[in-house]
Amino acid sequence: MELYDAIFYRKSIRNYSKKSIKSSLMEEVKGLCSNITYLNKDLNIKAHVVDRGHLIQFLMGKACEVKAPHYIVITSNEGENHLENVGFAAEKILLGITSLGIATCWIKCNLKRDDILEFIDLDEIDIDDEKYEKKIEKPYAVIAFGYAEKQEALFRNIDAEPDRKRLKKICKKIDKKWVKILNAVRVSPSIKNSQPWVFYSKDYGFDVYEEKAKKGMEDDFKISMGIALSHFDLACKKFGMDVKFENIDTKRKRGKNYLISIIDNGKL
């Protein structure tokens, strides 16, 4: 299964077998985690596989609502749009794992850097470095993965209507050539199904905005925005659309925050 196809088949699985996945599959998962991509190349985002799931369950306590045999912890330093980039990078890992026939689920992260130092290798930064706070890596996302329990259907019914906003709600004045791309965005998972993305059509492509988050969900919205952008990027690659992501001067919109613009290189 290609990553693009996994966009439409993947579903969040919350019930897992205690059985560890086969070592050959684990190596493939680790390969996916060692080859991540994201938009801001100045960031240092990493995906760490935690084979022993009980470590994460112990550290997260009751906040770990999904008990799985394995987890992936996504870490990053601080920088421009680092949470959006975390979502962008991690979603492609999830889709890759889905294509291997393994179940996955996003989990809200309550881990601190000190929690994971004993079993995850992070870069050592000199505390006297004037950019210490910007360089230091911290955990921002957790992904559960493993074999789904027998009663859990691994894949979404492709004919079932997903619980998502209609296309006209996430984008106005859609050119027909973008419909397939935006349909991939539409089905993007988001924390608490918030779906905070809004795409505004422009002569050059799109301006992408994030709806303002409720108090306490600011980070969740940003990660969710990155997930949507990853779906946009994968769909463009699938259909040969040459685009680039770029920050430009654009108008403010009430109740929304500008994130990024998508430039259609085919129009340049």
C-alpha atoms as a PDB file:
ATOM      1  CA  MET A   1       0.000   0.000   0.000  1.00  0.00           C
ATOM      2  CA  GLU A   2       1.339   3.447  -0.954  1.00  0.00           C
ATOM      3  CA  LEU A   3       1.339   6.272   1.607  1.00  0.00           C
ATOM      4  CA  TYR A   4      -1.330   8.108  -0.398  1.00  0.00           C
ATOM      5  CA  ASP A   5      -3.653   5.083  -0.245  1.00  0.00           C
ATOM      6  CA  ALA A   6      -2.999   4.733   3.488  1.00  0.00           C
ATOM      7  CA  ILE A   7      -4.453   8.248   3.959  1.00  0.00           C
ATOM      8  CA  PHE A   8      -7.914   6.882   3.176  1.00  0.00           C
ATOM      9  CA  TYR A   9      -7.585   3.452   4.814  1.00  0.00           C
ATOM     10  CA  ARG A  10      -5.861   4.358   8.078  1.00  0.00           C
ATOM     11  CA  LYS A  11      -7.916   4.624  11.262  1.00  0.00           C
ATOM     12  CA  SER A  12      -6.925   5.167  14.880  1.00  0.00           C
ATOM     13  CA  ILE A  13      -6.775   1.920  16.831  1.00  0.00           C
ATOM     14  CA  ARG A  14      -7.196   2.108  20.609  1.00  0.00           C
ATOM     15  CA  ASN A  15      -7.232  -1.591  21.529  1.00  0.00           C
ATOM     16  CA  TYR A  16      -4.043  -3.602  21.091  1.00  0.00           C
ATOM     17  CA  SER A  17      -2.834  -7.128  21.501  1.00  0.00           C
ATOM     18  CA  LYS A  18      -0.058  -7.475  24.078  1.00  0.00           C
ATOM     19  CA  LYS A  19       1.944  -9.424  21.508  1.00  0.00           C
ATOM     20  CA  SER A  20       5.082  -7.712  20.214  1.00  0.00           C
ATOM     21  CA  ILE A  21       5.315  -7.205  16.472  1.00  0.00           C
ATOM     22  CA  LYS A  22       7.706  -9.403  14.488  1.00  0.00           C
ATOM     23  CA  SER A  23      11.348  -8.345  14.549  1.00  0.00           C
ATOM     24  CA  SER A  24      11.371  -7.923  10.756  1.00  0.00           C
ATOM     25  CA  LEU A  25       8.449  -5.497  10.959  1.00  0.00           C
ATOM     26  CA  MET A  26      10.087  -3.646  13.858  1.00  0.00           C
ATOM     27  CA  GLU A  27      13.153  -3.077  11.717  1.00  0.00           C
ATOM     28  CA  GLU A  28      10.949  -1.595   9.001  1.00  0.00           C
ATOM     29  CA  VAL A  29       9.304   0.708  11.540  1.00  0.00           C
ATOM     30  CA  LYS A  30      12.720   1.827  12.750  1.00  0.00           C
ATOM     31  CA  GLY A  31      13.696   2.445   9.138  1.00  0.00           C
ATOM     32  CA  LEU A  32      10.663   4.727   8.695  1.00  0.00           C
ATOM     33  CA  CYS A  33      11.618   6.601  11.866  1.00  0.00           C
ATOM     34  CA  SER A  34      15.197   7.135  10.714  1.00  0.00           C
ATOM     35  CA  ASN A  35      14.120   8.641   7.390  1.00  0.00           C
ATOM     36  CA  ILE A  36      11.675  11.401   8.341  1.00  0.00           C
ATOM     37  CA  THR A  37      11.002  14.601   6.420  1.00  0.00           C
ATOM     38  CA  TYR A  38       9.635  17.981   7.472  1.00  0.00           C
ATOM     39  CA  LEU A  39       9.393  21.531   6.130  1.00  0.00           C
ATOM     40  CA  ASN A  40      11.689  23.614   8.354  1.00  0.00           C
ATOM     41  CA  LYS A  41      15.182  22.229   7.779  1.00  0.00           C
ATOM     42  CA  ASP A  42      16.555  24.292  10.672  1.00  0.00           C
ATOM     43  CA  LEU A  43      14.740  22.042  13.130  1.00  0.00           C
ATOM     44  CA  ASN A  44      16.080  18.829  14.623  1.00  0.00           C
ATOM     45  CA  ILE A  45      13.105  16.462  14.711  1.00  0.00           C
ATOM     46  CA  LYS A  46      13.609  12.798  15.581  1.00  0.00           C
ATOM     47  CA  ALA A  47      11.371   9.760  15.949  1.00  0.00           C
ATOM     48  CA  HIS A  48      12.417   7.309  18.687  1.00  0.00           C
ATOM     49  CA  VAL A  49      11.014   3.773  18.794  1.00  0.00           C
ATOM     50  CA  VAL A  50      10.334   2.507  22.322  1.00  0.00           C
ATOM     51  CA  ASP A  51      10.104  -1.289  22.104  1.00  0.00           C
ATOM     52  CA  ARG A  52       9.119  -1.695  25.757  1.00  0.00           C
ATOM     53  CA  GLY A  53       5.742  -0.048  25.871  1.00  0.00           C
ATOM     54  CA  HIS A  54       5.408  -0.368  29.641  1.00  0.00           C
ATOM     55  CA  LEU A  55       8.015   2.396  30.032  1.00  0.00           C
ATOM     56  CA  ILE A  56       5.748   4.937  28.360  1.00  0.00           C
ATOM     57  CA  GLN A  57       2.692   3.656  30.217  1.00  0.00           C
ATOM     58  CA  PHE A  58       4.474   4.038  33.562  1.00  0.00           C
ATOM     59  CA  LEU A  59       5.750   7.549  32.818  1.00  0.00           C
ATOM     60  CA  MET A  60       2.472   8.844  31.421  1.00  0.00           C
ATOM     61  CA  GLY A  61       0.325   7.201  34.074  1.00  0.00           C
ATOM     62  CA  LYS A  62      -3.420   7.695  33.700  1.00  0.00           C
ATOM     63  CA  ALA A  63      -2.804  10.099  30.801  1.00  0.00           C
ATOM     64  CA  CYS A  64      -1.748   7.094  28.711  1.00  0.00           C
ATOM     65  CA  GLU A  65      -5.237   6.184  27.549  1.00  0.00           C
ATOM     66  CA  VAL A  66      -4.028   3.772  24.872  1.00  0.00           C
ATOM     67  CA  LYS A  67      -2.080   0.710  26.080  1.00  0.00           C
ATOM     68  CA  ALA A  68       0.067  -0.695  23.289  1.00  0.00           C
ATOM     69  CA  PRO A  69       3.149  -2.943  23.187  1.00  0.00           C
ATOM     70  CA  HIS A  70       5.221  -0.246  21.480  1.00  0.00           C
ATOM     71  CA  TYR A  71       5.376   3.530  21.119  1.00  0.00           C
ATOM     72  CA  ILE A  72       7.184   6.188  19.115  1.00  0.00           C
ATOM     73  CA  VAL A  73       8.228   9.399  20.831  1.00  0.00           C
ATOM     74  CA  ILE A  74       8.713  12.442  18.582  1.00  0.00           C
ATOM     75  CA  THR A  75      11.220  15.011  19.837  1.00  0.00           C
ATOM     76  CA  SER A  76      12.224  18.403  18.475  1.00  0.00           C
ATOM     77  CA  ASN A  77      14.071  21.541  19.391  1.00  0.00           C
ATOM     78  CA  GLU A  78      12.186  24.836  19.435  1.00  0.00           C
ATOM     79  CA  GLY A  79      11.992  26.879  16.254  1.00  0.00           C
ATOM     80  CA  GLU A  80       9.650  28.348  13.679  1.00  0.00           C
ATOM     81  CA  ASN A  81       6.507  26.203  13.449  1.00  0.00           C
ATOM     82  CA  HIS A  82       8.194  23.314  15.263  1.00  0.00           C
ATOM     83  CA  LEU A  83       4.902  21.758  16.377  1.00  0.00           C
ATOM     84  CA  GLU A  84       3.451  21.898  12.862  1.00  0.00           C
ATOM     85  CA  ASN A  85       6.630  20.216  11.628  1.00  0.00           C
ATOM     86  CA  VAL A  86       6.300  17.532  14.316  1.00  0.00           C
ATOM     87  CA  GLY A  87       2.816  16.750  13.002  1.00  0.00           C
ATOM     88  CA  PHE A  88       4.046  16.790   9.392  1.00  0.00           C
ATOM     89  CA  ALA A  89       6.893  14.346  10.104  1.00  0.00           C
ATOM     90  CA  ALA A  90       4.989  12.020  12.417  1.00  0.00           C
ATOM     91  CA  GLU A  91       1.940  11.577  10.183  1.00  0.00           C
ATOM     92  CA  LYS A  92       4.072  10.185   7.380  1.00  0.00           C
ATOM     93  CA  ILE A  93       5.506   7.669   9.841  1.00  0.00           C
ATOM     94  CA  LEU A  94       1.985   6.628  10.857  1.00  0.00           C
ATOM     95  CA  LEU A  95       0.952   6.169   7.245  1.00  0.00           C
ATOM     96  CA  GLY A  96       4.088   4.130   6.560  1.00  0.00           C
ATOM     97  CA  ILE A  97       3.331   1.890   9.547  1.00  0.00           C
ATOM     98  CA  THR A  98      -0.263   1.509   8.316  1.00  0.00           C
ATOM     99  CA  SER A  99       1.063   0.324   4.962  1.00  0.00           C
ATOM    100  CA  LEU A 100       2.896  -2.451   6.855  1.00  0.00           C
ATOM    101  CA  GLY A 101      -0.413  -3.688   8.302  1.00  0.00           C
ATOM    102  CA  ILE A 102       0.318  -2.383  11.798  1.00  0.00           C
ATOM    103  CA  ALA A 103      -2.155  -0.412  13.913  1.00  0.00           C
ATOM    104  CA  THR A 104      -1.387   3.125  15.146  1.00  0.00           C
ATOM    105  CA  CYS A 105      -2.867   5.873  17.310  1.00  0.00           C
ATOM    106  CA  TRP A 106      -1.832   9.439  18.137  1.00  0.00           C
ATOM    107  CA  ILE A 107      -1.569  10.085  21.891  1.00  0.00           C
ATOM    108  CA  LYS A 108      -1.395  13.458  23.621  1.00  0.00           C
ATOM    109  CA  CYS A 109       2.095  13.804  25.072  1.00  0.00           C
ATOM    110  CA  ASN A 110       2.627  14.704  28.719  1.00  0.00           C
ATOM    111  CA  LEU A 111       6.254  13.573  28.848  1.00  0.00           C
ATOM    112  CA  LYS A 112       9.132  15.798  29.901  1.00  0.00           C
ATOM    113  CA  ARG A 113      12.693  15.668  28.607  1.00  0.00           C
ATOM    114  CA  ASP A 114      14.008  14.272  31.896  1.00  0.00           C
ATOM    115  CA  ASP A 115      11.446  11.449  31.754  1.00  0.00           C
ATOM    116  CA  ILE A 116      12.942   9.864  28.658  1.00  0.00           C
ATOM    117  CA  LEU A 117      16.691  10.412  29.061  1.00  0.00           C
ATOM    118  CA  GLU A 118      17.291   6.933  30.479  1.00  0.00           C
ATOM    119  CA  PHE A 119      16.077   5.112  27.355  1.00  0.00           C
ATOM    120  CA  ILE A 120      16.174   7.678  24.523  1.00  0.00           C
ATOM    121  CA  ASP A 121      19.395   9.224  23.216  1.00  0.00           C
ATOM    122  CA  LEU A 122      19.143  12.986  22.797  1.00  0.00           C
ATOM    123  CA  ASP A 123      21.824  15.420  21.701  1.00  0.00           C
ATOM    124  CA  GLU A 124      23.920  16.836  24.500  1.00  0.00           C
ATOM    125  CA  ILE A 125      23.865  20.643  24.504  1.00  0.00           C
ATOM    126  CA  ASP A 126      26.311  22.694  26.556  1.00  0.00           C
ATOM    127  CA  ILE A 127      24.248  24.500  29.179  1.00  0.00           C
ATOM    128  CA  ASP A 128      26.472  27.544  28.665  1.00  0.00           C
ATOM    129  CA  ASP A 129      25.524  27.709  24.977  1.00  0.00           C
ATOM    130  CA  GLU A 130      23.649  30.992  24.487  1.00  0.00           C
ATOM    131  CA  LYS A 131      21.169  29.134  22.262  1.00  0.00           C
ATOM    132  CA  TYR A 132      20.678  26.293  24.740  1.00  0.00           C
ATOM    133  CA  GLU A 133      16.903  26.777  25.048  1.00  0.00           C
ATOM    134  CA  LYS A 134      16.478  26.767  21.261  1.00  0.00           C
ATOM    135  CA  LYS A 135      18.675  23.722  20.670  1.00  0.00           C
ATOM    136  CA  ILE A 136      17.513  21.415  23.427  1.00  0.00           C
ATOM    137  CA  GLU A 137      15.244  18.560  22.315  1.00  0.00           C
ATOM    138  CA  LYS A 138      11.944  17.850  24.055  1.00  0.00           C
ATOM    139  CA  PRO A 139       9.174  15.271  23.490  1.00  0.00           C
ATOM    140  CA  TYR A 140       6.087  16.672  21.760  1.00  0.00           C
ATOM    141  CA  ALA A 141       4.134  13.677  20.439  1.00  0.00           C
ATOM    142  CA  VAL A 142       3.610   9.995  21.198  1.00  0.00           C
ATOM    143  CA  ILE A 143       2.377   7.335  18.794  1.00  0.00           C
ATOM    144  CA  ALA A 144       1.091   3.943  19.945  1.00  0.00           C
ATOM    145  CA  PHE A 145       1.582   1.012  17.586  1.00  0.00           C
ATOM    146  CA  GLY A 146       1.299  -2.763  17.470  1.00  0.00           C
ATOM    147  CA  TYR A 147      -1.112  -5.491  16.436  1.00  0.00           C
ATOM    148  CA  ALA A 148      -4.764  -4.572  16.768  1.00  0.00           C
ATOM    149  CA  GLU A 149      -6.964  -6.713  19.000  1.00  0.00           C
ATOM    150  CA  LYS A 150      -8.961  -9.254  17.015  1.00  0.00           C
ATOM    151  CA  GLN A 151     -12.228  -7.350  17.399  1.00  0.00           C
ATOM    152  CA  GLU A 152     -10.661  -4.185  15.936  1.00  0.00           C
ATOM    153  CA  ALA A 153     -10.888  -3.651  12.180  1.00  0.00           C
ATOM    154  CA  LEU A 154      -7.443  -2.455  11.107  1.00  0.00           C
ATOM    155  CA  PHE A 155      -8.611  -0.377   8.151  1.00  0.00           C
ATOM    156  CA  ARG A 156     -11.376   2.155   7.656  1.00  0.00           C
ATOM    157  CA  ASN A 157     -14.270   1.193   5.397  1.00  0.00           C
ATOM    158  CA  ILE A 158     -13.330   3.122   2.265  1.00  0.00           C
ATOM    159  CA  ASP A 159     -17.006   3.625   1.389  1.00  0.00           C
ATOM    160  CA  ALA A 160     -17.979   5.002   4.803  1.00  0.00           C
ATOM    161  CA  GLU A 161     -18.350   8.777   5.115  1.00  0.00           C
ATOM    162  CA  PRO A 162     -15.669  10.029   7.542  1.00  0.00           C
ATOM    163  CA  ASP A 163     -16.628  12.321  10.409  1.00  0.00           C
ATOM    164  CA  ARG A 164     -15.050  15.357   8.785  1.00  0.00           C
ATOM    165  CA  LYS A 165     -16.041  18.813   7.578  1.00  0.00           C
ATOM    166  CA  ARG A 166     -17.261  19.013   4.007  1.00  0.00           C
ATOM    167  CA  LEU A 167     -14.773  20.157   1.407  1.00  0.00           C
ATOM    168  CA  LYS A 168     -16.452  23.544   0.958  1.00  0.00           C
ATOM    169  CA  LYS A 169     -15.952  24.192   4.681  1.00  0.00           C
ATOM    170  CA  ILE A 170     -12.178  23.842   4.502  1.00  0.00           C
ATOM    171  CA  CYS A 171     -11.652  25.602   1.173  1.00  0.00           C
ATOM    172  CA  LYS A 172     -13.531  28.241  -0.821  1.00  0.00           C
ATOM    173  CA  LYS A 173     -13.585  28.567  -4.623  1.00  0.00           C
ATOM    174  CA  ILE A 174     -11.858  25.296  -5.393  1.00  0.00           C
ATOM    175  CA  ASP A 175     -10.263  24.792  -8.804  1.00  0.00           C
ATOM    176  CA  LYS A 176     -11.155  21.278 -10.006  1.00  0.00           C
ATOM    177  CA  LYS A 177      -7.487  20.300 -10.280  1.00  0.00           C
ATOM    178  CA  TRP A 178      -7.144  20.587  -6.491  1.00  0.00           C
ATOM    179  CA  VAL A 179     -10.165  18.485  -5.491  1.00  0.00           C
ATOM    180  CA  LYS A 180      -8.250  15.208  -5.113  1.00  0.00           C
ATOM    181  CA  ILE A 181      -5.517  16.967  -3.163  1.00  0.00           C
ATOM    182  CA  LEU A 182      -7.951  18.637  -0.780  1.00  0.00           C
ATOM    183  CA  ASN A 183      -9.934  15.435  -0.301  1.00  0.00           C
ATOM    184  CA  ALA A 184      -6.746  13.940   1.122  1.00  0.00           C
ATOM    185  CA  VAL A 185      -6.494  16.935   3.470  1.00  0.00           C
ATOM    186  CA  ARG A 186     -10.152  16.624   4.447  1.00  0.00           C
ATOM    187  CA  VAL A 187      -9.710  13.153   5.951  1.00  0.00           C
ATOM    188  CA  SER A 188      -6.667  14.165   8.007  1.00  0.00           C
ATOM    189  CA  PRO A 189      -6.833  13.070  11.640  1.00  0.00           C
ATOM    190  CA  SER A 190      -6.683  15.832  14.242  1.00  0.00           C
ATOM    191  CA  ILE A 191      -6.548  15.899  18.007  1.00  0.00           C
ATOM    192  CA  LYS A 192     -10.125  15.692  19.348  1.00  0.00           C
ATOM    193  CA  ASN A 193     -11.221  15.831  15.689  1.00  0.00           C
ATOM    194  CA  SER A 194     -10.672  19.605  15.795  1.00  0.00           C
ATOM    195  CA  GLN A 195      -9.969  19.969  12.036  1.00  0.00           C
ATOM    196  CA  PRO A 196      -8.553  23.505  12.432  1.00  0.00           C
ATOM    197  CA  TRP A 197      -7.324  23.971   8.851  1.00  0.00           C
ATOM    198  CA  VAL A 198      -8.735  26.443   6.310  1.00  0.00           C
ATOM    199  CA  PHE A 199      -7.341  26.791   2.778  1.00  0.00           C
ATOM    200  CA  TYR A 200      -7.943  30.013   0.849  1.00  0.00           C
ATOM    201  CA  SER A 201      -7.560  29.739  -2.930  1.00  0.00           C
ATOM    202  CA  LYS A 202      -5.172  32.215  -4.535  1.00  0.00           C
ATOM    203  CA  ASP A 203      -3.831  32.758  -8.043  1.00  0.00           C
ATOM    204  CA  TYR A 204      -0.537  31.225  -6.889  1.00  0.00           C
ATOM    205  CA  GLY A 205      -2.055  28.336  -4.907  1.00  0.00           C
ATOM    206  CA  PHE A 206      -3.312  28.628  -1.322  1.00  0.00           C
ATOM    207  CA  ASP A 207      -2.920  30.561   1.876  1.00  0.00           C
ATOM    208  CA  VAL A 208      -3.306  28.185   4.821  1.00  0.00           C
ATOM    209  CA  TYR A 209      -4.804  29.390   8.098  1.00  0.00           C
ATOM    210  CA  GLU A 210      -5.391  27.792  11.473  1.00  0.00           C
ATOM    211  CA  GLU A 211      -8.583  28.462  13.387  1.00  0.00           C
ATOM    212  CA  LYS A 212      -7.820  29.970  16.784  1.00  0.00           C
ATOM    213  CA  ALA A 213      -7.707  27.259  19.414  1.00  0.00           C
ATOM    214  CA  LYS A 214      -9.647  27.027  22.620  1.00  0.00           C
ATOM    215  CA  LYS A 215      -7.592  27.541  25.749  1.00  0.00           C
ATOM    216  CA  GLY A 216      -5.399  24.525  26.419  1.00  0.00           C
ATOM    217  CA  MET A 217      -5.547  23.203  22.847  1.00  0.00           C
ATOM    218  CA  GLU A 218      -3.066  25.559  21.190  1.00  0.00           C
ATOM    219  CA  ASP A 219      -0.331  22.930  20.790  1.00  0.00           C
ATOM    220  CA  ASP A 220      -2.844  20.297  19.660  1.00  0.00           C
ATOM    221  CA  PHE A 221      -4.085  22.569  16.872  1.00  0.00           C
ATOM    222  CA  LYS A 222      -0.554  23.234  15.643  1.00  0.00           C
ATOM    223  CA  ILE A 223       0.333  19.531  15.471  1.00  0.00           C
ATOM    224  CA  SER A 224      -2.970  18.864  13.679  1.00  0.00           C
ATOM    225  CA  MET A 225      -2.143  21.548  11.107  1.00  0.00           C
ATOM    226  CA  GLY A 226       1.108  19.748  10.326  1.00  0.00           C
ATOM    227  CA  ILE A 227      -0.782  16.501   9.789  1.00  0.00           C
ATOM    228  CA  ALA A 228      -3.024  18.203   7.218  1.00  0.00           C
ATOM    229  CA  LEU A 229      -0.017  19.665   5.392  1.00  0.00           C
ATOM    230  CA  SER A 230       1.588  16.227   5.217  1.00  0.00           C
ATOM    231  CA  HIS A 231      -1.536  14.875   3.499  1.00  0.00           C
ATOM    232  CA  PHE A 232      -1.457  17.801   1.067  1.00  0.00           C
ATOM    233  CA  ASP A 233       2.210  17.109   0.300  1.00  0.00           C
ATOM    234  CA  LEU A 234       1.690  13.371  -0.249  1.00  0.00           C
ATOM    235  CA  ALA A 235      -1.321  13.940  -2.506  1.00  0.00           C
ATOM    236  CA  CYS A 236       0.638  16.450  -4.593  1.00  0.00           C
ATOM    237  CA  LYS A 237       3.425  13.927  -5.070  1.00  0.00           C
ATOM    238  CA  LYS A 238       0.873  11.271  -6.032  1.00  0.00           C
ATOM    239  CA  PHE A 239      -0.656  13.427  -8.781  1.00  0.00           C
ATOM    240  CA  GLY A 240       2.512  15.162  -9.970  1.00  0.00           C
ATOM    241  CA  MET A 241       1.683  18.610  -8.596  1.00  0.00           C
ATOM    242  CA  ASP A 242       4.844  20.671  -8.150  1.00  0.00           C
ATOM    243  CA  VAL A 243       4.385  22.897  -5.100  1.00  0.00           C
ATOM    244  CA  LYS A 244       6.472  24.618  -2.452  1.00  0.00           C
ATOM    245  CA  PHE A 245       5.610  25.796   1.048  1.00  0.00           C
ATOM    246  CA  GLU A 246       6.551  29.396   1.752  1.00  0.00           C
ATOM    247  CA  ASN A 247       5.823  32.189   4.240  1.00  0.00           C
ATOM    248  CA  ILE A 248       4.617  35.377   2.539  1.00  0.00           C
ATOM    249  CA  ASP A 249       2.945  38.638   3.557  1.00  0.00           C
ATOM    250  CA  THR A 250      -0.789  38.111   3.571  1.00  0.00           C
ATOM    251  CA  LYS A 251      -3.910  39.625   5.077  1.00  0.00           C
ATOM    252  CA  ARG A 252      -4.982  38.901   8.630  1.00  0.00           C
ATOM    253  CA  LYS A 253      -8.265  37.067   9.070  1.00  0.00           C
ATOM    254  CA  ARG A 254     -10.444  37.403  12.128  1.00  0.00           C
ATOM    255  CA  GLY A 255     -10.490  34.289  14.274  1.00  0.00           C
ATOM    256  CA  LYS A 256      -7.691  32.625  12.320  1.00  0.00           C
ATOM    257  CA  ASN A 257      -3.890  32.535  12.358  1.00  0.00           C
ATOM    258  CA  TYR A 258      -1.855  32.472   9.156  1.00  0.00           C
ATOM    259  CA  LEU A 259       0.439  29.450   8.922  1.00  0.00           C
ATOM    260  CA  ILE A 260       1.940  29.162   5.455  1.00  0.00           C
ATOM    261  CA  SER A 261       1.278  29.536   1.734  1.00  0.00           C
ATOM    262  CA  ILE A 262       1.407  26.820  -0.877  1.00  0.00           C
ATOM    263  CA  ILE A 263       2.859  27.962  -4.178  1.00  0.00           C
ATOM    264  CA  ASP A 264       1.901  26.152  -7.386  1.00  0.00           C
ATOM    265  CA  ASN A 265       5.198  26.007  -9.282  1.00  0.00           C
ATOM    266  CA  GLY A 266       3.277  24.993 -12.388  1.00  0.00           C
ATOM    267  CA  LYS A 267       1.962  28.562 -12.592  1.00  0.00           C
ATOM    268  CA  LEU A 268       5.350  30.255 -12.245  1.00  0.00           C
END
